[in-house]
Structure formats: structure tokens, C-alpha cells
Protein backbone atom coordinates (compact mmCIF):
# COMPACT_ATOMS: atom_id res chain seq x y z
CA UNK A 1 85.83 83.06 98.32
CA UNK A 2 88.38 80.42 99.31
CA UNK A 3 89.84 80.45 102.78
CA UNK A 4 93.54 80.74 103.40
CA UNK A 5 94.16 77.87 105.78
CA UNK A 6 94.52 78.21 109.55
CA UNK A 7 93.78 81.92 109.74
CA UNK A 8 90.68 81.80 107.53
CA UNK A 9 92.00 84.66 105.40
CA UNK A 10 91.03 84.86 101.73
CA UNK A 11 93.54 83.51 99.25
CA UNK A 12 94.81 86.22 96.92
CA UNK A 13 96.06 85.54 93.43
CA UNK A 14 99.86 85.69 93.12
CA UNK A 15 101.33 89.10 92.43
CA UNK A 16 102.37 89.81 88.87
CA UNK A 17 105.15 92.30 89.61
CA UNK A 18 107.93 92.49 92.19
CA UNK A 19 106.37 95.64 93.67
CA UNK A 20 102.98 93.99 94.02
CA UNK A 21 104.61 90.95 95.64
CA UNK A 22 106.43 93.20 98.08
CA UNK A 23 103.15 94.91 98.93
CA UNK A 24 101.50 91.52 99.53
CA UNK A 25 104.28 90.48 101.89
CA UNK A 26 104.10 93.79 103.76
CA UNK A 27 100.34 93.39 104.16
CA UNK A 28 100.83 89.84 105.44
CA UNK A 29 103.51 90.98 107.90
CA UNK A 30 101.25 93.72 109.24
CA UNK A 31 98.36 91.27 109.59
CA UNK A 32 100.57 88.83 111.50
CA UNK A 33 101.94 91.58 113.74
CA UNK A 34 98.41 92.78 114.45
CA UNK A 35 97.31 89.25 115.34
CA UNK A 36 100.32 88.76 117.63
CA UNK A 37 99.66 92.07 119.40
CA UNK A 38 95.97 91.25 119.92
CA UNK A 39 96.86 87.81 121.31
CA UNK A 40 99.61 89.21 123.56
CA UNK A 41 102.27 87.16 121.74
CA UNK A 42 104.16 89.95 119.96
CA UNK A 43 107.92 90.15 120.39
CA UNK A 44 109.52 93.21 121.93
CA UNK A 45 110.84 94.15 118.48
CA UNK A 46 107.32 94.18 117.01
CA UNK A 47 105.98 96.24 119.89
CA UNK A 48 108.89 98.68 119.71
CA UNK A 49 108.37 99.12 115.96
CA UNK A 50 104.72 100.06 116.31
CA UNK A 51 105.31 102.23 119.36
CA UNK A 52 107.96 104.15 117.42
CA UNK A 53 105.65 104.53 114.41
CA UNK A 54 103.07 106.21 116.65
CA UNK A 55 105.34 108.95 118.01
CA UNK A 56 105.15 112.61 117.11
CA UNK A 57 108.82 112.47 116.12
CA UNK A 58 108.08 109.78 113.52
CA UNK A 59 105.16 111.78 112.14
CA UNK A 60 107.38 114.86 111.84
CA UNK A 61 110.10 112.81 110.16
CA UNK A 62 107.60 111.50 107.61
CA UNK A 63 106.37 115.06 106.96
CA UNK A 64 109.97 116.23 106.52
CA UNK A 65 110.66 113.46 104.00
CA UNK A 66 107.52 114.34 102.05
CA UNK A 67 108.58 118.00 102.02
CA UNK A 68 112.05 117.10 100.77
CA UNK A 69 110.56 114.97 97.99
CA UNK A 70 108.25 117.83 96.97
CA UNK A 71 111.21 120.24 96.94
CA UNK A 72 113.29 117.91 94.78
CA UNK A 73 110.40 117.50 92.35
CA UNK A 74 110.01 121.27 92.14
CA UNK A 75 113.74 121.65 91.44
CA UNK A 76 113.57 119.09 88.62
CA UNK A 77 110.56 120.87 87.10
CA UNK A 78 112.36 124.22 87.41
CA UNK A 79 115.44 122.89 85.60
CA UNK A 80 113.28 121.51 82.79
CA UNK A 81 111.45 124.82 82.53
CA UNK A 82 114.74 126.73 82.35
CA UNK A 83 115.92 124.48 79.52
CA UNK A 84 112.67 125.14 77.60
CA UNK A 85 113.04 128.90 78.12
CA UNK A 86 116.64 128.84 76.87
CA UNK A 87 115.52 126.96 73.76
CA UNK A 88 112.71 129.46 73.13
CA UNK A 89 115.11 132.41 73.56
CA UNK A 90 117.52 130.84 71.08
CA UNK A 91 114.74 130.28 68.56
CA UNK A 92 113.49 133.84 69.03
CA UNK A 93 116.97 135.32 68.52
CA UNK A 94 117.48 133.27 65.36
CA UNK A 95 114.07 134.36 64.04
CA UNK A 96 114.91 138.01 64.71
CA UNK A 97 118.24 137.64 62.89
CA UNK A 98 116.48 136.14 59.86
CA UNK A 99 113.85 138.89 59.84
CA UNK A 100 116.49 141.62 60.14
CA UNK A 101 118.08 140.55 56.89
CA UNK A 102 120.85 138.26 58.05
CA UNK A 103 119.44 135.46 55.90
CA UNK A 104 119.53 131.91 57.09
CA UNK A 105 122.34 132.53 59.56
CA UNK A 106 121.63 130.45 62.63
CA UNK A 107 123.66 130.81 65.77
CA UNK A 108 124.12 127.65 67.78
CA UNK A 109 124.81 127.72 71.47
């Protein structure tokens, strides 16, 4: 494994997507912040960020956001399900009309 210069970190291959590149940069930023904290050289902004991330309020906020995302996903699934049910009802009504002797008459919504 090749070393990554002054810090002796392994060299990673370049990211192939913007999301992967962003994740690499985030990982590097966290590693640098961790090093600065351990060496007592972290700025007040870095310390404040990590102190805030460790609070109960932040944990609750993250839980709330996850709950909101789950609720939105459920709403989207519910809307899709309702659309499928409406389609099935329409098909069933048309089938009943055909079977009752109304021929090929199809009622569109």
C-alpha cells in the first residue's frame, strides 16, 4: 500500500462520481479535524461543530428528520397505491359492464 505523504495515510484511487468525491473530501475533513483535536490545534469552529454534534438536541433533530423522511416516503407509497386501486376499480367496472351485456362499451375517467 502506498503512503499518502506527510501523514502516512494510504493513497486512495480518485473517485469516479461526484458523490464519491464528496464522500472522500468529507472523510479527509473529518480525519484532519480529528488530528487537530488530538494535537490540541483545532480551531474554535471545529470544536464547536463537534460539541454541537454530540448534544442530545442534535440527536433528537436527526431522529426528527429521519421520521419526516419516513413519513414522506409512506405518503408517496400511499398515493401510488391509491392510483393503482383506482385503475383496478375502473377495470373491474368496465369488465362488469361487458359481462352484463353492454358490449365493448368502455367508460373512461
